[in-house]
Protein backbone atom coordinates (compact mmCIF):
# COMPACT_ATOMS: atom_id res chain seq x y z
CA UNK A 1 -2.25 11.50 -28.77
CA UNK A 2 1.44 11.38 -27.81
CA UNK A 3 2.05 15.07 -28.51
CA UNK A 4 -0.66 16.07 -26.02
CA UNK A 5 0.81 13.74 -23.38
CA UNK A 6 4.31 15.07 -23.94
CA UNK A 7 3.06 18.67 -23.83
CA UNK A 8 1.29 18.00 -20.53
CA UNK A 9 4.36 16.26 -19.12
CA UNK A 10 6.69 19.11 -20.08
CA UNK A 11 4.20 21.61 -18.59
CA UNK A 12 4.34 19.72 -15.28
CA UNK A 13 8.14 19.43 -15.30
CA UNK A 14 8.59 23.11 -16.19
CA UNK A 15 6.13 24.13 -13.45
CA UNK A 16 8.15 22.27 -10.83
CA UNK A 17 11.44 23.70 -12.13
CA UNK A 18 10.06 27.25 -12.28
CA UNK A 19 8.76 26.91 -8.73
CA UNK A 20 12.09 25.57 -7.44
CA UNK A 21 14.18 28.20 -9.20
CA UNK A 22 11.78 31.11 -8.70
CA UNK A 23 14.16 33.20 -6.52
CA UNK A 24 16.84 33.05 -9.21
CA UNK A 25 14.32 33.75 -11.99
CA UNK A 26 12.96 36.68 -9.98
CA UNK A 27 16.38 38.27 -9.52
CA UNK A 28 17.59 37.70 -13.07
CA UNK A 29 14.38 38.52 -14.95
CA UNK A 30 12.34 40.72 -12.64
CA UNK A 31 9.16 38.62 -13.04
CA UNK A 32 6.16 39.36 -10.85
CA UNK A 33 4.43 37.13 -8.33
CA UNK A 34 1.72 36.32 -10.88
CA UNK A 35 4.06 33.49 -11.90
CA UNK A 36 2.75 31.49 -8.91
CA UNK A 37 -0.81 31.82 -10.20
CA UNK A 38 0.40 30.63 -13.61
CA UNK A 39 2.23 27.67 -12.06
CA UNK A 40 -1.01 26.67 -10.33
CA UNK A 41 -3.11 27.14 -13.50
CA UNK A 42 -0.63 25.07 -15.54
CA UNK A 43 -0.51 22.34 -12.90
CA UNK A 44 -4.30 21.96 -12.93
CA UNK A 45 -4.40 22.06 -16.73
CA UNK A 46 -6.17 25.39 -17.24
CA UNK A 47 -3.13 26.90 -18.97
CA UNK A 48 -0.02 25.72 -20.75
CA UNK A 49 3.36 27.44 -20.68
CA UNK A 50 3.50 27.87 -24.46
CA UNK A 51 0.39 28.25 -26.58
CA UNK A 52 -1.06 29.84 -29.66
CA UNK A 53 -1.33 33.60 -30.04
CA UNK A 54 -3.26 36.17 -31.99
CA UNK A 55 -6.95 36.10 -32.81
CA UNK A 56 -9.12 32.96 -32.75
CA UNK A 57 -9.01 32.97 -36.56
CA UNK A 58 -5.21 32.56 -36.34
CA UNK A 59 -5.42 29.22 -34.51
CA UNK A 60 -9.03 28.04 -34.18
CA UNK A 61 -8.51 25.44 -36.91
CA UNK A 62 -5.48 23.88 -35.16
CA UNK A 63 -5.46 21.11 -32.53
CA UNK A 64 -6.74 22.51 -29.26
CA UNK A 65 -4.31 23.46 -26.52
CA UNK A 66 -4.96 25.38 -23.32
CA UNK A 67 -4.38 29.13 -23.24
CA UNK A 68 -0.67 29.82 -23.20
CA UNK A 69 1.17 31.92 -20.66
CA UNK A 70 3.66 32.67 -23.43
CA UNK A 71 2.15 33.10 -26.90
CA UNK A 72 4.36 31.25 -29.39
CA UNK A 73 4.03 33.84 -32.19
CA UNK A 74 5.17 36.52 -29.73
CA UNK A 75 8.11 34.52 -28.36
CA UNK A 76 10.61 35.92 -30.83
CA UNK A 77 12.30 39.28 -30.63
CA UNK A 78 10.56 40.55 -33.79
CA UNK A 79 9.17 44.05 -33.41
CA UNK A 80 7.28 44.17 -36.70
CA UNK A 81 4.88 41.43 -37.72
CA UNK A 82 3.74 40.70 -41.26
CA UNK A 83 0.00 40.44 -41.81
CA UNK A 84 -0.22 36.64 -41.47
CA UNK A 85 2.58 36.30 -38.87
CA UNK A 86 0.38 34.88 -36.11
CA UNK A 87 -1.33 32.33 -38.33
CA UNK A 88 1.97 31.15 -39.87
CA UNK A 89 3.71 30.90 -36.49
CA UNK A 90 0.78 29.01 -34.92
CA UNK A 91 0.72 26.55 -37.84
CA UNK A 92 4.49 26.07 -37.55
CA UNK A 93 4.18 25.45 -33.79
CA UNK A 94 1.40 22.87 -34.22
CA UNK A 95 2.98 21.15 -37.23
CA UNK A 96 6.49 20.88 -35.79
CA UNK A 97 5.64 20.52 -32.09
CA UNK A 98 8.43 19.29 -29.87
CA UNK A 99 8.90 19.44 -26.11
CA UNK A 100 12.27 21.01 -26.88
CA UNK A 101 10.46 23.90 -28.55
CA UNK A 102 8.50 24.55 -25.36
CA UNK A 103 11.66 24.38 -23.23
CA UNK A 104 13.47 26.77 -25.57
CA UNK A 105 10.57 29.23 -25.69
CA UNK A 106 10.22 29.25 -21.90
CA UNK A 107 13.99 29.62 -21.43
CA UNK A 108 14.17 32.53 -23.89
CA UNK A 109 11.09 34.21 -22.39
CA UNK A 110 11.56 33.78 -18.63
CA UNK A 111 10.52 37.38 -18.14
CA UNK A 112 7.06 36.49 -19.49
CA UNK A 113 6.29 33.80 -16.90
CA UNK A 114 4.09 36.23 -14.98
CA UNK A 115 1.96 37.14 -18.01
CA UNK A 116 -1.77 37.28 -17.41
């Protein structure tokens, strides 16, 4: 599947960029050193930078992706979520996947790169 290949490729490229620019990201966004663990986990394919969020019932029926460092449904600045927010956002992410979406989500959520 081309989408899976592109997602893996963008994960690798973003990992290298995040590693190279870590000092700048650290100063500007106050991320923790857990970002190095996440870089490693993404590089070996155990995680992806952007993934589904919420409960299993919110994404279990969608194409499988590794656990995300940044949960797509939580990548916006919304403070209040409607009841089916996670399910709708996960469906939107899977249906309209683009490498540009991942780049945009990572860029807008640099402070979350050290998420566990």
